């Protein structure tokens, strides 16, 4: 096969792989972003439930925030992994077949000189959205007086999980200068 006559069957397979991965990336971005809307609804439900059921209802919010936050984080990580694969593997293989650089947007959009600032703000937003409401619910429960020893234990376990969640959000934030692993 010469550079002037790319193997069209291989190129078709790689183009199909690209389309499939971009579709998955788009779907994961949508799912990731929907976690925020779901959490806003959960917060409203728990706050409303607190008026009816009392402060113990606040203990429902941390597990919901943790599950939605973890789902957000895993989808975000997969979006980044797909972008990294497109840049470091698929673009190279397609480029070799067609004899030119391809998928340049996958790298070009990452060269924003404000990337680190943007990543820091995104981390602050993620912590505000997924950690702060859970922590506030726990504080609200503790301030209003734990009603039962078992619920107090549950709240302590939830607080530990909230701290772990915050740690994971920080660990995955990648605040370093642009690297092959970032796609946000």
N, C-alpha and C. Protein backbone atom coordinates (compact mmCIF):
# COMPACT_ATOMS: atom_id res chain seq x y z
N UNK A 1 0.85 -1.17 0.00
CA UNK A 1 0.00 0.00 0.00
C UNK A 1 0.89 1.23 0.00
N UNK A 2 0.67 2.16 -0.89
CA UNK A 2 1.45 3.39 -0.93
C UNK A 2 0.68 4.51 -0.24
N UNK A 3 1.38 5.60 0.06
CA UNK A 3 0.74 6.73 0.74
C UNK A 3 -0.32 7.36 -0.14
N UNK A 4 -0.21 7.19 -1.48
CA UNK A 4 -1.19 7.78 -2.39
C UNK A 4 -2.46 6.94 -2.53
N UNK A 5 -2.40 5.67 -2.13
CA UNK A 5 -3.56 4.78 -2.25
C UNK A 5 -3.83 4.09 -0.93
N UNK A 6 -4.48 4.81 -0.01
CA UNK A 6 -4.72 4.19 1.30
C UNK A 6 -5.62 2.97 1.18
N UNK A 7 -5.40 2.05 2.06
CA UNK A 7 -6.20 0.85 2.14
C UNK A 7 -7.61 1.27 2.56
N UNK A 8 -8.53 1.30 1.60
CA UNK A 8 -9.86 1.84 1.88
C UNK A 8 -10.65 1.00 2.88
N UNK A 9 -10.43 -0.31 2.89
CA UNK A 9 -11.15 -1.16 3.86
C UNK A 9 -10.69 -0.82 5.28
N UNK A 10 -9.38 -0.67 5.47
CA UNK A 10 -8.85 -0.32 6.79
C UNK A 10 -9.33 1.07 7.18
N UNK A 11 -9.30 1.99 6.24
CA UNK A 11 -9.75 3.36 6.51
C UNK A 11 -11.23 3.38 6.89
N UNK A 12 -12.03 2.55 6.21
CA UNK A 12 -13.46 2.46 6.56
C UNK A 12 -13.66 1.95 7.99
N UNK A 13 -12.89 0.95 8.37
CA UNK A 13 -12.98 0.40 9.73
C UNK A 13 -12.58 1.46 10.75
N UNK A 14 -11.49 2.17 10.49
CA UNK A 14 -11.04 3.20 11.42
C UNK A 14 -12.03 4.36 11.49
N UNK A 15 -12.63 4.72 10.37
CA UNK A 15 -13.65 5.77 10.36
C UNK A 15 -14.87 5.34 11.17
N UNK A 16 -15.26 4.06 11.04
CA UNK A 16 -16.37 3.54 11.84
C UNK A 16 -16.03 3.56 13.33
N UNK A 17 -14.78 3.21 13.66
CA UNK A 17 -14.35 3.25 15.06
C UNK A 17 -14.42 4.69 15.57
N UNK A 18 -13.96 5.63 14.77
CA UNK A 18 -14.01 7.04 15.16
C UNK A 18 -15.44 7.48 15.41
N UNK A 19 -16.34 7.15 14.51
CA UNK A 19 -17.74 7.53 14.67
C UNK A 19 -18.33 6.92 15.94
N UNK A 20 -18.06 5.66 16.17
CA UNK A 20 -18.57 4.98 17.36
C UNK A 20 -18.04 5.63 18.64
N UNK A 21 -16.76 5.93 18.65
CA UNK A 21 -16.17 6.56 19.83
C UNK A 21 -16.69 7.98 20.05
N UNK A 22 -16.86 8.74 18.99
CA UNK A 22 -17.39 10.10 19.14
C UNK A 22 -18.85 10.05 19.60
N UNK A 23 -19.61 9.07 19.12
CA UNK A 23 -20.99 8.90 19.60
C UNK A 23 -21.00 8.55 21.08
N UNK A 24 -20.12 7.64 21.49
CA UNK A 24 -20.04 7.28 22.91
C UNK A 24 -19.61 8.49 23.75
N UNK A 25 -18.64 9.23 23.25
CA UNK A 25 -18.18 10.41 23.97
C UNK A 25 -19.32 11.42 24.15
N UNK A 26 -20.08 11.66 23.09
CA UNK A 26 -21.22 12.58 23.15
C UNK A 26 -22.26 12.09 24.16
N UNK A 27 -22.57 10.80 24.11
CA UNK A 27 -23.56 10.23 25.03
C UNK A 27 -23.09 10.31 26.48
N UNK A 28 -21.82 10.08 26.71
CA UNK A 28 -21.28 10.17 28.07
C UNK A 28 -21.27 11.61 28.57
N UNK A 29 -21.01 12.56 27.69
CA UNK A 29 -21.07 13.97 28.08
C UNK A 29 -22.50 14.32 28.49
N UNK A 30 -23.46 13.90 27.71
CA UNK A 30 -24.87 14.16 28.06
C UNK A 30 -25.24 13.52 29.39
N UNK A 31 -24.86 12.25 29.56
CA UNK A 31 -25.16 11.55 30.82
C UNK A 31 -24.47 12.24 31.99
N UNK A 32 -23.22 12.61 31.79
CA UNK A 32 -22.46 13.30 32.84
C UNK A 32 -23.16 14.59 33.25
N UNK A 33 -23.54 15.38 32.28
CA UNK A 33 -24.17 16.66 32.57
C UNK A 33 -25.54 16.50 33.21
N UNK A 34 -26.24 15.43 32.88
CA UNK A 34 -27.55 15.17 33.49
C UNK A 34 -27.45 14.83 34.97
N UNK A 35 -26.28 14.40 35.43
CA UNK A 35 -26.11 14.11 36.86
C UNK A 35 -26.31 15.38 37.69
N UNK A 36 -25.91 16.50 37.15
CA UNK A 36 -26.08 17.78 37.87
C UNK A 36 -27.56 18.09 38.03
N UNK A 37 -28.33 17.95 36.95
CA UNK A 37 -29.77 18.23 37.02
C UNK A 37 -30.46 17.26 37.97
N UNK A 38 -30.04 16.02 37.94
CA UNK A 38 -30.63 15.02 38.83
C UNK A 38 -30.35 15.37 40.30
N UNK A 39 -29.16 15.85 40.58
CA UNK A 39 -28.83 16.21 41.95
C UNK A 39 -29.65 17.42 42.41
N UNK A 40 -29.85 18.39 41.54
CA UNK A 40 -30.67 19.55 41.91
C UNK A 40 -32.08 19.08 42.30
N UNK A 41 -32.64 18.15 41.54
CA UNK A 41 -33.95 17.60 41.89
C UNK A 41 -33.92 16.85 43.21
N UNK A 42 -32.86 16.09 43.44
CA UNK A 42 -32.72 15.34 44.70
C UNK A 42 -32.63 16.30 45.89
N UNK A 43 -31.90 17.38 45.72
CA UNK A 43 -31.78 18.36 46.80
C UNK A 43 -33.15 18.93 47.14
N UNK A 44 -33.90 19.29 46.10
CA UNK A 44 -35.24 19.84 46.33
C UNK A 44 -36.14 18.82 47.03
N UNK A 45 -36.05 17.56 46.63
CA UNK A 45 -36.87 16.52 47.25
C UNK A 45 -36.49 16.32 48.72
N UNK A 46 -35.21 16.30 49.02
CA UNK A 46 -34.76 16.08 50.40
C UNK A 46 -35.14 17.28 51.27
N UNK A 47 -34.94 18.48 50.77
CA UNK A 47 -35.31 19.67 51.55
C UNK A 47 -36.82 19.66 51.82
N UNK A 48 -37.60 19.33 50.81
CA UNK A 48 -39.05 19.21 51.02
C UNK A 48 -39.40 18.10 51.98
N UNK A 49 -38.71 16.99 51.87
CA UNK A 49 -38.95 15.86 52.77
C UNK A 49 -38.57 16.15 54.20
N UNK A 50 -37.58 17.00 54.38
CA UNK A 50 -37.15 17.37 55.73
C UNK A 50 -38.27 18.09 56.48
N UNK A 51 -39.02 18.89 55.76
CA UNK A 51 -40.15 19.59 56.39
C UNK A 51 -41.21 18.60 56.87
N UNK A 52 -41.34 17.50 56.16
CA UNK A 52 -42.35 16.50 56.54
C UNK A 52 -41.81 15.46 57.51
N UNK A 53 -40.59 14.99 57.27
CA UNK A 53 -40.06 13.86 58.04
C UNK A 53 -39.05 14.26 59.11
N UNK A 54 -38.61 15.50 59.11
CA UNK A 54 -37.65 15.94 60.10
C UNK A 54 -36.23 15.85 59.60
N UNK A 55 -35.29 16.24 60.46
CA UNK A 55 -33.88 16.32 60.07
C UNK A 55 -33.27 15.00 59.60
N UNK A 56 -33.80 13.88 60.04
CA UNK A 56 -33.23 12.59 59.60
C UNK A 56 -33.33 12.42 58.09
N UNK A 57 -34.28 13.10 57.45
CA UNK A 57 -34.41 13.01 55.99
C UNK A 57 -33.17 13.57 55.30
N UNK A 58 -32.46 14.46 55.97
CA UNK A 58 -31.22 15.02 55.39
C UNK A 58 -30.19 13.93 55.10
N UNK A 59 -30.27 12.82 55.81
CA UNK A 59 -29.31 11.73 55.61
C UNK A 59 -29.53 11.01 54.28
N UNK A 60 -30.61 11.33 53.60
CA UNK A 60 -30.85 10.74 52.27
C UNK A 60 -29.99 11.41 51.19
N UNK A 61 -29.66 12.68 51.41
CA UNK A 61 -28.94 13.42 50.36
C UNK A 61 -27.50 12.95 50.14
N UNK A 62 -26.70 12.70 51.17
CA UNK A 62 -25.31 12.28 50.89
C UNK A 62 -25.20 11.04 49.99
N UNK A 63 -25.96 9.97 50.23
CA UNK A 63 -25.80 8.82 49.31
C UNK A 63 -26.21 9.15 47.88
N UNK A 64 -27.25 9.95 47.73
CA UNK A 64 -27.67 10.33 46.38
C UNK A 64 -26.59 11.18 45.72
N UNK A 65 -26.06 12.16 46.45
CA UNK A 65 -25.00 13.01 45.90
C UNK A 65 -23.76 12.18 45.57
N UNK A 66 -23.45 11.21 46.39
CA UNK A 66 -22.28 10.36 46.14
C UNK A 66 -22.46 9.51 44.88
N UNK A 67 -23.61 8.91 44.73
CA UNK A 67 -23.86 8.07 43.56
C UNK A 67 -23.85 8.91 42.28
N UNK A 68 -24.54 10.04 42.31
CA UNK A 68 -24.57 10.90 41.13
C UNK A 68 -23.19 11.49 40.85
N UNK A 69 -22.48 11.87 41.91
CA UNK A 69 -21.13 12.41 41.73
C UNK A 69 -20.17 11.39 41.17
N UNK A 70 -20.27 10.16 41.66
CA UNK A 70 -19.39 9.10 41.14
C UNK A 70 -19.72 8.80 39.68
N UNK A 71 -21.00 8.77 39.35
CA UNK A 71 -21.40 8.54 37.96
C UNK A 71 -20.90 9.67 37.07
N UNK A 72 -21.00 10.90 37.56
CA UNK A 72 -20.47 12.06 36.85
C UNK A 72 -18.97 11.88 36.60
N UNK A 73 -18.25 11.54 37.66
CA UNK A 73 -16.80 11.40 37.57
C UNK A 73 -16.39 10.27 36.62
N UNK A 74 -17.05 9.13 36.68
CA UNK A 74 -16.67 8.02 35.80
C UNK A 74 -16.98 8.34 34.34
N UNK A 75 -18.10 9.01 34.09
CA UNK A 75 -18.39 9.41 32.71
C UNK A 75 -17.37 10.43 32.23
N UNK A 76 -17.00 11.36 33.08
CA UNK A 76 -16.01 12.36 32.71
C UNK A 76 -14.66 11.70 32.41
N UNK A 77 -14.30 10.72 33.21
CA UNK A 77 -13.03 10.01 32.99
C UNK A 77 -13.07 9.26 31.64
N UNK A 78 -14.20 8.66 31.32
CA UNK A 78 -14.31 7.94 30.03
C UNK A 78 -14.26 8.91 28.86
N UNK A 79 -14.87 10.08 29.00
CA UNK A 79 -14.79 11.11 27.95
C UNK A 79 -13.33 11.46 27.71
N UNK A 80 -12.58 11.66 28.79
CA UNK A 80 -11.16 11.97 28.67
C UNK A 80 -10.38 10.82 28.05
N UNK A 81 -10.69 9.60 28.47
CA UNK A 81 -9.98 8.42 27.93
C UNK A 81 -10.23 8.27 26.43
N UNK A 82 -11.46 8.51 25.99
CA UNK A 82 -11.75 8.44 24.56
C UNK A 82 -10.95 9.50 23.82
N UNK A 83 -10.93 10.73 24.34
CA UNK A 83 -10.16 11.79 23.69
C UNK A 83 -8.68 11.45 23.61
N UNK A 84 -8.14 10.89 24.68
CA UNK A 84 -6.73 10.50 24.71
C UNK A 84 -6.46 9.43 23.65
N UNK A 85 -7.35 8.45 23.55
CA UNK A 85 -7.19 7.38 22.55
C UNK A 85 -7.27 7.96 21.14
N UNK A 86 -8.21 8.87 20.93
CA UNK A 86 -8.32 9.47 19.60
C UNK A 86 -7.04 10.20 19.22
N UNK A 87 -6.47 10.95 20.17
CA UNK A 87 -5.25 11.72 19.91
C UNK A 87 -4.02 10.86 19.75
N UNK A 88 -3.88 9.87 20.62
CA UNK A 88 -2.61 9.14 20.70
C UNK A 88 -2.58 7.83 19.92
N UNK A 89 -3.71 7.40 19.43
CA UNK A 89 -3.74 6.12 18.72
C UNK A 89 -4.45 6.24 17.37
N UNK A 90 -5.74 6.51 17.43
CA UNK A 90 -6.54 6.48 16.20
C UNK A 90 -6.10 7.55 15.19
N UNK A 91 -5.83 8.77 15.65
CA UNK A 91 -5.40 9.83 14.73
C UNK A 91 -4.11 9.45 14.03
N UNK A 92 -3.22 8.81 14.75
CA UNK A 92 -1.94 8.41 14.16
C UNK A 92 -2.16 7.35 13.09
N UNK A 93 -3.00 6.36 13.39
CA UNK A 93 -3.25 5.30 12.41
C UNK A 93 -3.96 5.82 11.17
N UNK A 94 -4.96 6.67 11.36
CA UNK A 94 -5.67 7.23 10.20
C UNK A 94 -4.72 8.14 9.42
N UNK A 95 -3.96 8.97 10.14
CA UNK A 95 -3.02 9.87 9.48
C UNK A 95 -1.99 9.12 8.64
N UNK A 96 -1.54 7.97 9.13
CA UNK A 96 -0.57 7.17 8.38
C UNK A 96 -1.19 6.65 7.08
N UNK A 97 -2.47 6.33 7.13
CA UNK A 97 -3.14 5.83 5.93
C UNK A 97 -3.40 6.92 4.90
N UNK A 98 -3.78 8.10 5.36
CA UNK A 98 -4.14 9.16 4.41
C UNK A 98 -2.98 10.11 4.11
N UNK A 99 -1.90 10.00 4.88
CA UNK A 99 -0.71 10.78 4.60
C UNK A 99 -0.75 12.22 5.08
N UNK A 100 -1.58 12.50 6.08
CA UNK A 100 -1.64 13.86 6.63
C UNK A 100 -2.15 13.81 8.06
N UNK A 101 -1.99 14.90 8.79
CA UNK A 101 -2.53 14.98 10.15
C UNK A 101 -4.05 14.97 10.09
N UNK A 102 -4.64 14.23 11.01
CA UNK A 102 -6.10 14.17 11.10
C UNK A 102 -6.52 14.35 12.56
N UNK A 103 -7.77 14.61 12.77
CA UNK A 103 -8.35 14.79 14.11
C UNK A 103 -7.62 15.87 14.89
N UNK A 104 -7.23 16.92 14.21
CA UNK A 104 -6.43 17.98 14.84
C UNK A 104 -7.20 18.69 15.95
N UNK A 105 -8.52 18.75 15.86
CA UNK A 105 -9.31 19.40 16.91
C UNK A 105 -9.10 18.70 18.25
N UNK A 106 -8.89 17.40 18.23
CA UNK A 106 -8.70 16.65 19.47
C UNK A 106 -7.50 17.16 20.27
N UNK A 107 -6.55 17.78 19.61
CA UNK A 107 -5.40 18.37 20.28
C UNK A 107 -5.51 19.89 20.36
N UNK A 108 -5.98 20.51 19.30
CA UNK A 108 -6.01 21.98 19.21
C UNK A 108 -6.84 22.62 20.32
N UNK A 109 -7.98 22.04 20.64
CA UNK A 109 -8.86 22.67 21.65
C UNK A 109 -8.24 22.63 23.05
N UNK A 110 -7.22 21.84 23.23
CA UNK A 110 -6.59 21.70 24.54
C UNK A 110 -5.47 22.70 24.78
N UNK A 111 -5.14 23.50 23.78
CA UNK A 111 -4.03 24.44 23.89
C UNK A 111 -4.44 25.81 24.42
N UNK A 112 -5.57 25.89 25.03
CA UNK A 112 -6.06 27.13 25.62
C UNK A 112 -5.11 27.56 26.73
N UNK A 113 -4.62 28.80 26.67
CA UNK A 113 -3.67 29.25 27.69
C UNK A 113 -4.33 29.40 29.06
N UNK A 114 -5.64 29.39 29.11
CA UNK A 114 -6.35 29.48 30.38
C UNK A 114 -6.85 28.10 30.86
N UNK A 115 -6.28 27.07 30.32
CA UNK A 115 -6.71 25.72 30.65
C UNK A 115 -6.65 25.45 32.15
N UNK A 116 -5.53 25.80 32.77
CA UNK A 116 -5.37 25.52 34.20
C UNK A 116 -6.41 26.28 35.01
N UNK A 117 -6.67 27.52 34.66
CA UNK A 117 -7.70 28.31 35.33
C UNK A 117 -9.07 27.65 35.15
N UNK A 118 -9.36 27.25 33.91
CA UNK A 118 -10.64 26.61 33.61
C UNK A 118 -10.80 25.31 34.39
N UNK A 119 -9.72 24.55 34.49
CA UNK A 119 -9.76 23.28 35.23
C UNK A 119 -9.98 23.53 36.72
N UNK A 120 -9.35 24.58 37.26
CA UNK A 120 -9.54 24.92 38.67
C UNK A 120 -10.97 25.34 38.96
N UNK A 121 -11.53 26.14 38.07
CA UNK A 121 -12.93 26.56 38.23
C UNK A 121 -13.85 25.35 38.12
N UNK A 122 -13.57 24.46 37.17
CA UNK A 122 -14.40 23.26 37.02
C UNK A 122 -14.34 22.40 38.28
N UNK A 123 -13.17 22.27 38.88
CA UNK A 123 -13.05 21.53 40.13
C UNK A 123 -13.90 22.18 41.22
N UNK A 124 -13.83 23.50 41.32
CA UNK A 124 -14.63 24.21 42.32
C UNK A 124 -16.12 23.97 42.09
N UNK A 125 -16.54 24.00 40.84
CA UNK A 125 -17.95 23.73 40.52
C UNK A 125 -18.32 22.30 40.89
N UNK A 126 -17.48 21.34 40.53
CA UNK A 126 -17.76 19.93 40.84
C UNK A 126 -17.88 19.72 42.35
N UNK A 127 -16.97 20.33 43.11
CA UNK A 127 -17.04 20.20 44.57
C UNK A 127 -18.30 20.88 45.11
N UNK A 128 -18.64 22.03 44.56
CA UNK A 128 -19.83 22.74 45.00
C UNK A 128 -21.10 21.95 44.69
N UNK A 129 -21.13 21.33 43.55
CA UNK A 129 -22.33 20.60 43.12
C UNK A 129 -22.47 19.27 43.85
N UNK A 130 -21.39 18.50 43.95
CA UNK A 130 -21.52 17.13 44.45
C UNK A 130 -21.11 16.92 45.90
N UNK A 131 -20.26 17.78 46.44
CA UNK A 131 -19.79 17.59 47.81
C UNK A 131 -20.48 18.53 48.78
N UNK A 132 -20.57 19.79 48.42
CA UNK A 132 -21.14 20.78 49.33
C UNK A 132 -22.57 20.45 49.79
N UNK A 133 -23.48 20.06 48.90
CA UNK A 133 -24.83 19.74 49.37
C UNK A 133 -24.85 18.56 50.36
N UNK A 134 -24.03 17.56 50.09
CA UNK A 134 -23.97 16.40 50.99
C UNK A 134 -23.41 16.81 52.35
N UNK A 135 -22.35 17.62 52.33
CA UNK A 135 -21.76 18.10 53.59
C UNK A 135 -22.76 18.99 54.33
N UNK A 136 -23.45 19.86 53.61
CA UNK A 136 -24.45 20.74 54.24
C UNK A 136 -25.58 19.93 54.86
N UNK A 137 -26.00 18.88 54.18
CA UNK A 137 -27.06 18.02 54.74
C UNK A 137 -26.60 17.37 56.03
N UNK A 138 -25.37 16.90 56.05
CA UNK A 138 -24.84 16.29 57.27
C UNK A 138 -24.73 17.30 58.40
N UNK A 139 -24.24 18.47 58.09
CA UNK A 139 -24.14 19.52 59.11
C UNK A 139 -25.53 19.89 59.62
N UNK A 140 -26.47 20.01 58.70
CA UNK A 140 -27.85 20.29 59.09
C UNK A 140 -28.41 19.22 60.02
N UNK A 141 -28.11 17.98 59.73
CA UNK A 141 -28.56 16.88 60.59
C UNK A 141 -27.92 16.99 61.97
N UNK A 142 -26.59 17.22 62.00
CA UNK A 142 -25.88 17.30 63.28
C UNK A 142 -26.33 18.50 64.10
N UNK A 143 -26.57 19.64 63.46
CA UNK A 143 -27.00 20.85 64.17
C UNK A 143 -28.38 20.66 64.79
N UNK A 144 -29.24 19.95 64.10
CA UNK A 144 -30.59 19.72 64.60
C UNK A 144 -30.67 18.57 65.60
N UNK A 145 -29.54 18.00 65.90
CA UNK A 145 -29.48 16.96 66.91
C UNK A 145 -29.80 15.58 66.37
N UNK A 146 -28.79 14.73 66.34
CA UNK A 146 -29.04 13.35 65.90
C UNK A 146 -30.16 12.72 66.73
N UNK A 147 -31.08 12.09 66.05
CA UNK A 147 -32.24 11.54 66.74
C UNK A 147 -32.06 10.11 67.22
N UNK A 148 -31.01 9.45 66.76
CA UNK A 148 -30.84 8.04 67.10
C UNK A 148 -29.36 7.69 66.91
N UNK A 149 -28.83 6.83 67.76
CA UNK A 149 -27.41 6.46 67.71
C UNK A 149 -27.06 5.81 66.36
N UNK A 150 -27.95 4.98 65.84
CA UNK A 150 -27.69 4.33 64.56
C UNK A 150 -27.62 5.37 63.44
N UNK A 151 -28.50 6.37 63.48
CA UNK A 151 -28.47 7.42 62.46
C UNK A 151 -27.21 8.28 62.59
N UNK A 152 -26.75 8.47 63.83
CA UNK A 152 -25.50 9.19 64.02
C UNK A 152 -24.34 8.42 63.38
N UNK A 153 -24.31 7.11 63.58
CA UNK A 153 -23.29 6.27 62.95
C UNK A 153 -23.39 6.36 61.43
N UNK A 154 -24.60 6.28 60.91
CA UNK A 154 -24.80 6.41 59.46
C UNK A 154 -24.24 7.75 58.98
N UNK A 155 -24.52 8.82 59.71
CA UNK A 155 -24.05 10.15 59.30
C UNK A 155 -22.52 10.21 59.30
N UNK A 156 -21.88 9.55 60.25
CA UNK A 156 -20.41 9.54 60.29
C UNK A 156 -19.85 8.76 59.09
N UNK A 157 -20.47 7.64 58.77
CA UNK A 157 -20.06 6.88 57.58
C UNK A 157 -20.26 7.70 56.31
N UNK A 158 -21.38 8.40 56.25
CA UNK A 158 -21.64 9.25 55.09
C UNK A 158 -20.61 10.37 54.99
N UNK A 159 -20.24 10.96 56.11
CA UNK A 159 -19.24 12.02 56.11
C UNK A 159 -17.90 11.50 55.58
N UNK A 160 -17.55 10.29 55.97
CA UNK A 160 -16.33 9.67 55.46
C UNK A 160 -16.41 9.50 53.94
N UNK A 161 -17.55 9.03 53.47
CA UNK A 161 -17.75 8.85 52.03
C UNK A 161 -17.70 10.18 51.29
N UNK A 162 -18.24 11.23 51.89
CA UNK A 162 -18.21 12.56 51.27
C UNK A 162 -16.76 13.05 51.14
N UNK A 163 -15.96 12.83 52.17
CA UNK A 163 -14.55 13.21 52.11
C UNK A 163 -13.81 12.43 51.02
N UNK A 164 -14.10 11.15 50.91
CA UNK A 164 -13.48 10.33 49.86
C UNK A 164 -13.91 10.84 48.48
N UNK A 165 -15.17 11.19 48.35
CA UNK A 165 -15.66 11.73 47.08
C UNK A 165 -14.94 13.02 46.71
N UNK A 166 -14.77 13.90 47.68
CA UNK A 166 -14.05 15.16 47.43
C UNK A 166 -12.62 14.86 47.00
N UNK A 167 -11.98 13.93 47.68
CA UNK A 167 -10.61 13.54 47.34
C UNK A 167 -10.53 13.02 45.90
N UNK A 168 -11.49 12.21 45.49
CA UNK A 168 -11.50 11.67 44.13
C UNK A 168 -11.71 12.77 43.09
N UNK A 169 -12.61 13.70 43.37
CA UNK A 169 -12.82 14.81 42.43
C UNK A 169 -11.52 15.61 42.27
N UNK A 170 -10.81 15.85 43.37
CA UNK A 170 -9.54 16.58 43.30
C UNK A 170 -8.50 15.75 42.55
N UNK A 171 -8.44 14.46 42.84
CA UNK A 171 -7.44 13.59 42.20
C UNK A 171 -7.62 13.52 40.69
N UNK A 172 -8.86 13.53 40.21
CA UNK A 172 -9.13 13.44 38.78
C UNK A 172 -9.16 14.79 38.08
N UNK A 173 -9.00 15.88 38.82
CA UNK A 173 -9.13 17.22 38.23
C UNK A 173 -8.02 17.54 37.24
N UNK A 174 -6.84 16.99 37.42
CA UNK A 174 -5.71 17.21 36.52
C UNK A 174 -5.47 18.70 36.26
N UNK A 175 -5.00 19.38 37.29
CA UNK A 175 -4.75 20.82 37.21
C UNK A 175 -3.38 21.16 36.62
N UNK A 176 -2.66 20.15 36.18
CA UNK A 176 -1.34 20.38 35.57
C UNK A 176 -1.50 20.96 34.19
N UNK A 177 -0.44 21.51 33.60
CA UNK A 177 -0.54 22.00 32.22
C UNK A 177 -1.01 20.88 31.30
N UNK A 178 -1.53 21.24 30.14
CA UNK A 178 -2.13 20.28 29.20
C UNK A 178 -1.29 19.02 29.10
N UNK A 179 -1.98 17.90 29.23
CA UNK A 179 -1.32 16.60 29.12
C UNK A 179 -2.14 15.72 28.21
N UNK A 180 -1.57 14.60 27.83
CA UNK A 180 -2.26 13.70 26.93
C UNK A 180 -3.52 13.13 27.53
N UNK A 181 -3.70 13.23 28.85
CA UNK A 181 -4.84 12.62 29.51
C UNK A 181 -6.03 13.52 29.73
N UNK A 182 -5.99 14.75 29.28
CA UNK A 182 -7.09 15.67 29.60
C UNK A 182 -7.93 16.00 28.40
N UNK A 183 -9.23 16.06 28.60
CA UNK A 183 -10.14 16.45 27.53
C UNK A 183 -11.20 17.43 27.94
N UNK A 184 -11.18 17.94 29.14
CA UNK A 184 -12.21 18.90 29.53
C UNK A 184 -11.90 20.25 29.03
